[in-house]
Amino acid sequence: MDSKLQISVSHETGRVPITVFHLKGDLDASSYKQLETQAREAYQTGARALLLDLHELRYMSSAGLQALHIIFTMLRSAEASPESNQAMKQGLRDGTFHSAYIKLFRPTPAVLDVLKTAGFDMYLEIHSDFKEAVASF
C-alpha cells in the first residue's frame, strides 16, 4: 500500500467558490509541507474556502495537525479583525466557534481519533455528507 501523500483538487460552487483537496495516503512529517504548499498556492490564486476530503487519508501525525493549523490561520487572516479574533477566542472557550474557511469531510476513523484527541473538532466542522459540507460554507 502506497503511503505517500497524494493531493488532487476539485472545485465546487456553494454560496461561495470552494476548493476541495482530496487527500490520499499519510499526512506526516514527510508530507505536511506538501499540503501547506498546495494550500498557499490555492490561497494565492484566490481560494478562500477549503474543504479537505479525508476519506482516503490513512494516517495523520502531529505534523499533519500542524499543517491544518497553519492553513486555518492563513485562511482566517484574510478576514481577521480585532472583533472577529475576540469572537473566535470566546467561541473556542465556550465551544461554539467553527471556522468558516476550512472544513473537513469524512475522515477515516483513525484520523478522526487524532483530530478529536487534539481538540481540532472544536473549531473545524467535520461532515459525513458531501452536499452538506459544500452547503456549510
N, C-alpha and C. Protein backbone atom coordinates (compact mmCIF):
# COMPACT_ATOMS: atom_id res chain seq x y z
N MET A 1 0.83 -1.17 0.00
CA MET A 1 0.00 0.00 0.00
C MET A 1 0.88 1.24 0.00
N ASP A 2 0.60 2.19 -0.89
CA ASP A 2 1.39 3.40 -1.01
C ASP A 2 0.96 4.39 0.06
N SER A 3 1.90 4.80 0.91
CA SER A 3 1.57 5.74 1.98
C SER A 3 1.92 7.17 1.62
N LYS A 4 2.57 7.38 0.50
CA LYS A 4 2.93 8.73 0.07
C LYS A 4 1.65 9.56 -0.09
N LEU A 5 1.69 10.81 0.36
CA LEU A 5 0.53 11.68 0.26
C LEU A 5 0.27 12.08 -1.18
N GLN A 6 -0.96 11.89 -1.59
CA GLN A 6 -1.41 12.35 -2.91
C GLN A 6 -2.54 13.35 -2.67
N ILE A 7 -2.46 14.47 -3.39
CA ILE A 7 -3.48 15.51 -3.27
C ILE A 7 -4.03 15.80 -4.65
N SER A 8 -5.32 15.60 -4.81
CA SER A 8 -5.97 16.03 -6.05
C SER A 8 -6.94 17.15 -5.67
N VAL A 9 -7.22 18.00 -6.63
CA VAL A 9 -8.01 19.20 -6.36
C VAL A 9 -9.23 19.23 -7.27
N SER A 10 -10.34 19.60 -6.70
CA SER A 10 -11.55 19.85 -7.49
C SER A 10 -12.18 21.13 -6.95
N HIS A 11 -13.21 21.59 -7.64
CA HIS A 11 -13.87 22.83 -7.24
C HIS A 11 -15.37 22.62 -7.21
N GLU A 12 -16.00 23.21 -6.23
CA GLU A 12 -17.45 23.17 -6.06
C GLU A 12 -17.94 24.60 -5.92
N THR A 13 -19.20 24.79 -6.19
CA THR A 13 -19.79 26.10 -6.00
C THR A 13 -20.97 25.96 -5.05
N GLY A 14 -20.87 26.64 -3.94
CA GLY A 14 -21.96 26.75 -2.98
C GLY A 14 -22.34 28.22 -2.98
N ARG A 15 -22.50 28.77 -1.80
CA ARG A 15 -22.70 30.23 -1.71
C ARG A 15 -21.43 30.97 -2.11
N VAL A 16 -20.31 30.27 -1.99
CA VAL A 16 -19.00 30.81 -2.39
C VAL A 16 -18.26 29.72 -3.17
N PRO A 17 -17.24 30.09 -3.93
CA PRO A 17 -16.42 29.06 -4.58
C PRO A 17 -15.65 28.25 -3.53
N ILE A 18 -15.63 26.94 -3.68
CA ILE A 18 -14.99 26.06 -2.71
C ILE A 18 -13.93 25.23 -3.42
N THR A 19 -12.73 25.23 -2.86
CA THR A 19 -11.65 24.39 -3.35
C THR A 19 -11.64 23.13 -2.49
N VAL A 20 -11.66 21.98 -3.14
CA VAL A 20 -11.68 20.71 -2.42
C VAL A 20 -10.34 20.01 -2.65
N PHE A 21 -9.65 19.71 -1.55
CA PHE A 21 -8.43 18.91 -1.60
C PHE A 21 -8.81 17.49 -1.20
N HIS A 22 -8.57 16.54 -2.08
CA HIS A 22 -8.81 15.13 -1.81
C HIS A 22 -7.46 14.52 -1.41
N LEU A 23 -7.33 14.12 -0.13
CA LEU A 23 -6.06 13.62 0.38
C LEU A 23 -6.09 12.09 0.44
N LYS A 24 -5.01 11.49 0.00
CA LYS A 24 -4.90 10.03 0.00
C LYS A 24 -3.50 9.67 0.48
N GLY A 25 -3.41 8.72 1.40
CA GLY A 25 -2.11 8.28 1.90
C GLY A 25 -1.92 8.70 3.35
N ASP A 26 -0.72 9.17 3.68
CA ASP A 26 -0.37 9.57 5.04
C ASP A 26 0.01 11.04 5.08
N LEU A 27 -0.50 11.75 6.07
CA LEU A 27 -0.13 13.14 6.30
C LEU A 27 0.74 13.16 7.55
N ASP A 28 2.04 13.25 7.32
CA ASP A 28 3.00 13.12 8.41
C ASP A 28 4.19 14.06 8.18
N ALA A 29 5.27 13.83 8.90
CA ALA A 29 6.44 14.70 8.84
C ALA A 29 7.05 14.76 7.44
N SER A 30 6.87 13.73 6.66
CA SER A 30 7.46 13.73 5.31
C SER A 30 6.55 14.37 4.27
N SER A 31 5.29 14.69 4.65
CA SER A 31 4.36 15.19 3.63
C SER A 31 3.60 16.46 4.00
N TYR A 32 3.68 16.89 5.26
CA TYR A 32 2.85 18.02 5.67
C TYR A 32 3.18 19.30 4.91
N LYS A 33 4.44 19.49 4.55
CA LYS A 33 4.84 20.69 3.78
C LYS A 33 4.20 20.69 2.40
N GLN A 34 3.99 19.52 1.84
CA GLN A 34 3.32 19.41 0.55
C GLN A 34 1.90 19.98 0.64
N LEU A 35 1.19 19.64 1.70
CA LEU A 35 -0.16 20.16 1.90
C LEU A 35 -0.12 21.66 2.14
N GLU A 36 0.78 22.12 2.98
CA GLU A 36 0.91 23.56 3.23
C GLU A 36 1.18 24.32 1.94
N THR A 37 2.11 23.83 1.15
CA THR A 37 2.48 24.50 -0.10
C THR A 37 1.30 24.56 -1.06
N GLN A 38 0.60 23.46 -1.20
CA GLN A 38 -0.55 23.44 -2.11
C GLN A 38 -1.65 24.38 -1.62
N ALA A 39 -1.86 24.45 -0.31
CA ALA A 39 -2.86 25.36 0.25
C ALA A 39 -2.46 26.81 0.02
N ARG A 40 -1.18 27.13 0.21
CA ARG A 40 -0.70 28.51 -0.04
C ARG A 40 -0.88 28.89 -1.51
N GLU A 41 -0.57 27.96 -2.40
CA GLU A 41 -0.74 28.23 -3.83
C GLU A 41 -2.21 28.48 -4.16
N ALA A 42 -3.10 27.68 -3.59
CA ALA A 42 -4.53 27.88 -3.81
C ALA A 42 -4.98 29.23 -3.25
N TYR A 43 -4.48 29.57 -2.08
CA TYR A 43 -4.80 30.85 -1.45
C TYR A 43 -4.34 32.02 -2.32
N GLN A 44 -3.13 31.91 -2.83
CA GLN A 44 -2.57 32.98 -3.67
C GLN A 44 -3.34 33.16 -4.97
N THR A 45 -4.04 32.12 -5.41
CA THR A 45 -4.84 32.24 -6.63
C THR A 45 -6.31 32.53 -6.33
N GLY A 46 -6.60 32.85 -5.06
CA GLY A 46 -7.93 33.31 -4.71
C GLY A 46 -8.80 32.39 -3.89
N ALA A 47 -8.36 31.19 -3.58
CA ALA A 47 -9.17 30.27 -2.77
C ALA A 47 -9.32 30.82 -1.36
N ARG A 48 -10.56 30.89 -0.88
CA ARG A 48 -10.83 31.36 0.48
C ARG A 48 -11.68 30.38 1.27
N ALA A 49 -12.17 29.34 0.61
CA ALA A 49 -12.95 28.30 1.27
C ALA A 49 -12.35 26.96 0.86
N LEU A 50 -11.91 26.18 1.85
CA LEU A 50 -11.21 24.93 1.58
C LEU A 50 -11.90 23.78 2.31
N LEU A 51 -12.25 22.77 1.54
CA LEU A 51 -12.82 21.54 2.09
C LEU A 51 -11.79 20.44 1.91
N LEU A 52 -11.40 19.81 3.00
CA LEU A 52 -10.43 18.72 2.94
C LEU A 52 -11.18 17.39 3.00
N ASP A 53 -11.10 16.65 1.91
CA ASP A 53 -11.71 15.32 1.82
C ASP A 53 -10.69 14.33 2.37
N LEU A 54 -11.01 13.74 3.52
CA LEU A 54 -10.06 12.88 4.24
C LEU A 54 -10.43 11.41 4.21
N HIS A 55 -11.36 11.04 3.36
CA HIS A 55 -11.85 9.65 3.42
C HIS A 55 -10.82 8.62 2.95
N GLU A 56 -9.75 9.07 2.28
CA GLU A 56 -8.68 8.14 1.90
C GLU A 56 -7.36 8.45 2.59
N LEU A 57 -7.42 9.28 3.63
CA LEU A 57 -6.22 9.59 4.41
C LEU A 57 -6.09 8.52 5.49
N ARG A 58 -5.04 7.71 5.39
CA ARG A 58 -4.88 6.57 6.30
C ARG A 58 -4.34 6.98 7.67
N TYR A 59 -3.50 8.03 7.69
CA TYR A 59 -2.78 8.36 8.93
C TYR A 59 -2.52 9.85 8.97
N MET A 60 -2.62 10.44 10.17
CA MET A 60 -2.24 11.83 10.37
C MET A 60 -1.43 11.93 11.65
N SER A 61 -0.25 12.51 11.54
CA SER A 61 0.61 12.70 12.70
C SER A 61 0.45 14.14 13.21
N SER A 62 1.21 14.46 14.24
CA SER A 62 1.19 15.83 14.77
C SER A 62 1.64 16.84 13.71
N ALA A 63 2.49 16.42 12.79
CA ALA A 63 2.90 17.32 11.69
C ALA A 63 1.70 17.64 10.80
N GLY A 64 0.83 16.68 10.60
CA GLY A 64 -0.39 16.92 9.84
C GLY A 64 -1.30 17.90 10.55
N LEU A 65 -1.39 17.77 11.87
CA LEU A 65 -2.17 18.73 12.66
C LEU A 65 -1.58 20.13 12.54
N GLN A 66 -0.26 20.20 12.52
CA GLN A 66 0.42 21.49 12.36
C GLN A 66 0.03 22.10 11.01
N ALA A 67 0.01 21.31 9.96
CA ALA A 67 -0.37 21.80 8.64
C ALA A 67 -1.80 22.34 8.66
N LEU A 68 -2.72 21.62 9.30
CA LEU A 68 -4.10 22.10 9.40
C LEU A 68 -4.18 23.43 10.13
N HIS A 69 -3.40 23.56 11.20
CA HIS A 69 -3.41 24.81 11.96
C HIS A 69 -2.86 25.97 11.12
N ILE A 70 -1.81 25.72 10.38
CA ILE A 70 -1.23 26.76 9.53
C ILE A 70 -2.23 27.19 8.45
N ILE A 71 -2.90 26.24 7.85
CA ILE A 71 -3.91 26.55 6.82
C ILE A 71 -5.08 27.31 7.44
N PHE A 72 -5.53 26.88 8.60
CA PHE A 72 -6.60 27.58 9.33
C PHE A 72 -6.22 29.04 9.54
N THR A 73 -5.01 29.26 10.02
CA THR A 73 -4.54 30.62 10.32
C THR A 73 -4.42 31.45 9.04
N MET A 74 -3.92 30.85 7.98
CA MET A 74 -3.77 31.56 6.71
C MET A 74 -5.14 32.00 6.18
N LEU A 75 -6.10 31.10 6.16
CA LEU A 75 -7.42 31.43 5.64
C LEU A 75 -8.14 32.44 6.54
N ARG A 76 -7.98 32.32 7.83
CA ARG A 76 -8.63 33.24 8.77
C ARG A 76 -8.04 34.63 8.68
N SER A 77 -6.74 34.73 8.37
CA SER A 77 -6.08 36.04 8.36
C SER A 77 -6.66 36.99 7.32
N ALA A 78 -7.25 36.46 6.26
CA ALA A 78 -7.83 37.32 5.23
C ALA A 78 -9.00 38.12 5.78
N GLU A 79 -9.71 37.60 6.77
CA GLU A 79 -10.89 38.26 7.32
C GLU A 79 -10.69 38.71 8.76
N ALA A 80 -9.49 38.53 9.30
CA ALA A 80 -9.28 38.79 10.72
C ALA A 80 -9.41 40.27 11.05
N SER A 81 -10.07 40.53 12.13
CA SER A 81 -10.19 41.87 12.70
C SER A 81 -10.14 41.68 14.21
N PRO A 82 -9.91 42.75 14.96
CA PRO A 82 -9.92 42.58 16.43
C PRO A 82 -11.24 41.99 16.93
N GLU A 83 -12.35 42.39 16.31
CA GLU A 83 -13.66 41.87 16.74
C GLU A 83 -13.80 40.39 16.43
N SER A 84 -13.40 40.00 15.21
CA SER A 84 -13.53 38.58 14.84
C SER A 84 -12.58 37.72 15.65
N ASN A 85 -11.39 38.25 15.97
CA ASN A 85 -10.45 37.49 16.80
C ASN A 85 -11.02 37.29 18.21
N GLN A 86 -11.66 38.32 18.76
CA GLN A 86 -12.26 38.20 20.09
C GLN A 86 -13.41 37.20 20.08
N ALA A 87 -14.23 37.28 19.03
CA ALA A 87 -15.36 36.34 18.91
C ALA A 87 -14.85 34.91 18.80
N MET A 88 -13.76 34.71 18.05
CA MET A 88 -13.19 33.37 17.91
C MET A 88 -12.70 32.87 19.26
N LYS A 89 -11.97 33.72 19.99
CA LYS A 89 -11.46 33.30 21.30
C LYS A 89 -12.59 32.94 22.25
N GLN A 90 -13.64 33.76 22.26
CA GLN A 90 -14.79 33.46 23.12
C GLN A 90 -15.46 32.16 22.66
N GLY A 91 -15.61 31.99 21.36
CA GLY A 91 -16.23 30.78 20.83
C GLY A 91 -15.44 29.53 21.14
N LEU A 92 -14.11 29.63 21.10
CA LEU A 92 -13.28 28.48 21.45
C LEU A 92 -13.45 28.13 22.92
N ARG A 93 -13.60 29.15 23.76
CA ARG A 93 -13.79 28.89 25.19
C ARG A 93 -15.12 28.21 25.47
N ASP A 94 -16.17 28.65 24.78
CA ASP A 94 -17.48 28.07 25.09
C ASP A 94 -17.93 26.99 24.10
N GLY A 95 -17.05 26.63 23.15
CA GLY A 95 -17.33 25.52 22.24
C GLY A 95 -18.28 25.84 21.10
N THR A 96 -18.47 27.11 20.79
CA THR A 96 -19.41 27.48 19.72
C THR A 96 -18.73 27.93 18.43
N PHE A 97 -17.42 28.00 18.40
CA PHE A 97 -16.72 28.50 17.21
C PHE A 97 -16.38 27.37 16.25
N HIS A 98 -16.68 27.57 14.97
CA HIS A 98 -16.21 26.70 13.89
C HIS A 98 -15.72 27.60 12.76
N SER A 99 -14.62 27.25 12.17
CA SER A 99 -14.06 28.02 11.07
C SER A 99 -15.04 28.09 9.91
N ALA A 100 -15.14 29.27 9.33
CA ALA A 100 -15.98 29.45 8.13
C ALA A 100 -15.17 29.18 6.87
N TYR A 101 -13.87 28.95 6.98
CA TYR A 101 -12.98 28.91 5.83
C TYR A 101 -12.39 27.54 5.51
N ILE A 102 -12.31 26.68 6.51
CA ILE A 102 -11.75 25.34 6.29
C ILE A 102 -12.64 24.34 7.03
N LYS A 103 -13.04 23.29 6.30
CA LYS A 103 -13.90 22.26 6.86
C LYS A 103 -13.39 20.90 6.40
N LEU A 104 -13.80 19.87 7.12
CA LEU A 104 -13.31 18.52 6.86
C LEU A 104 -14.45 17.62 6.43
N PHE A 105 -14.14 16.72 5.51
CA PHE A 105 -15.13 15.77 5.02
C PHE A 105 -14.65 14.35 5.26
N ARG A 106 -15.45 13.57 5.89
CA ARG A 106 -15.34 12.13 6.07
C ARG A 106 -13.94 11.60 6.44
N PRO A 107 -13.40 12.06 7.56
CA PRO A 107 -12.11 11.48 7.96
C PRO A 107 -12.26 10.00 8.31
N THR A 108 -11.23 9.25 8.05
CA THR A 108 -11.22 7.84 8.44
C THR A 108 -11.28 7.76 9.97
N PRO A 109 -11.68 6.63 10.52
CA PRO A 109 -11.75 6.52 11.99
C PRO A 109 -10.41 6.85 12.68
N ALA A 110 -9.31 6.40 12.11
CA ALA A 110 -8.00 6.68 12.73
C ALA A 110 -7.70 8.17 12.72
N VAL A 111 -7.98 8.84 11.62
CA VAL A 111 -7.73 10.28 11.51
C VAL A 111 -8.70 11.05 12.40
N LEU A 112 -9.94 10.64 12.45
CA LEU A 112 -10.93 11.28 13.31
C LEU A 112 -10.49 11.21 14.77
N ASP A 113 -9.94 10.09 15.17
CA ASP A 113 -9.46 9.93 16.54
C ASP A 113 -8.34 10.93 16.84
N VAL A 114 -7.42 11.12 15.90
CA VAL A 114 -6.33 12.08 16.07
C VAL A 114 -6.90 13.50 16.19
N LEU A 115 -7.84 13.85 15.30
CA LEU A 115 -8.45 15.18 15.32
C LEU A 115 -9.16 15.46 16.64
N LYS A 116 -9.91 14.48 17.12
CA LYS A 116 -10.64 14.66 18.38
C LYS A 116 -9.70 14.70 19.58
N THR A 117 -8.70 13.85 19.58
CA THR A 117 -7.74 13.84 20.69
C THR A 117 -7.03 15.18 20.80
N ALA A 118 -6.70 15.79 19.67
CA ALA A 118 -6.01 17.08 19.65
C ALA A 118 -6.97 18.25 19.82
N GLY A 119 -8.28 18.00 19.82
CA GLY A 119 -9.25 19.07 20.00
C GLY A 119 -9.59 19.86 18.75
N PHE A 120 -9.15 19.38 17.60
CA PHE A 120 -9.40 20.10 16.35
C PHE A 120 -10.88 20.10 15.97
N ASP A 121 -11.63 19.12 16.47
CA ASP A 121 -13.06 19.08 16.17
C ASP A 121 -13.81 20.21 16.87
N MET A 122 -13.15 20.92 17.78
CA MET A 122 -13.78 22.06 18.45
C MET A 122 -13.89 23.27 17.53
N TYR A 123 -12.98 23.39 16.55
CA TYR A 123 -13.03 24.56 15.68
C TYR A 123 -13.07 24.23 14.19
N LEU A 124 -13.02 22.98 13.83
CA LEU A 124 -13.16 22.57 12.44
C LEU A 124 -14.40 21.69 12.31
N GLU A 125 -15.34 22.10 11.48
CA GLU A 125 -16.52 21.29 11.25
C GLU A 125 -16.13 20.03 10.51
N ILE A 126 -16.72 18.91 10.93
CA ILE A 126 -16.47 17.63 10.29
C ILE A 126 -17.80 17.12 9.74
N HIS A 127 -17.83 16.88 8.44
CA HIS A 127 -19.05 16.47 7.77
C HIS A 127 -18.92 15.05 7.21
N SER A 128 -20.03 14.34 7.20
CA SER A 128 -20.05 12.99 6.61
C SER A 128 -20.80 12.97 5.28
N ASP A 129 -21.49 14.05 4.96
CA ASP A 129 -22.24 14.16 3.71
C ASP A 129 -21.62 15.28 2.87
N PHE A 130 -21.26 14.96 1.62
CA PHE A 130 -20.54 15.92 0.79
C PHE A 130 -21.40 17.15 0.47
N LYS A 131 -22.65 16.94 0.10
CA LYS A 131 -23.53 18.07 -0.21
C LYS A 131 -23.72 18.99 1.00
N GLU A 132 -23.83 18.38 2.16
CA GLU A 132 -23.95 19.15 3.40
C GLU A 132 -22.67 19.95 3.65
N ALA A 133 -21.53 19.34 3.41
CA ALA A 133 -20.25 20.02 3.61
C ALA A 133 -20.14 21.23 2.69
N VAL A 134 -20.49 21.06 1.42
CA VAL A 134 -20.44 22.18 0.46
C VAL A 134 -21.41 23.28 0.88
N ALA A 135 -22.61 22.90 1.28
CA ALA A 135 -23.62 23.89 1.68
C ALA A 135 -23.25 24.63 2.95
N SER A 136 -22.33 24.09 3.74
CA SER A 136 -21.98 24.70 5.03
C SER A 136 -21.10 25.94 4.88
N PHE A 137 -20.57 26.19 3.71
CA PHE A 137 -19.72 27.38 3.50
C PHE A 137 -20.57 28.60 3.25
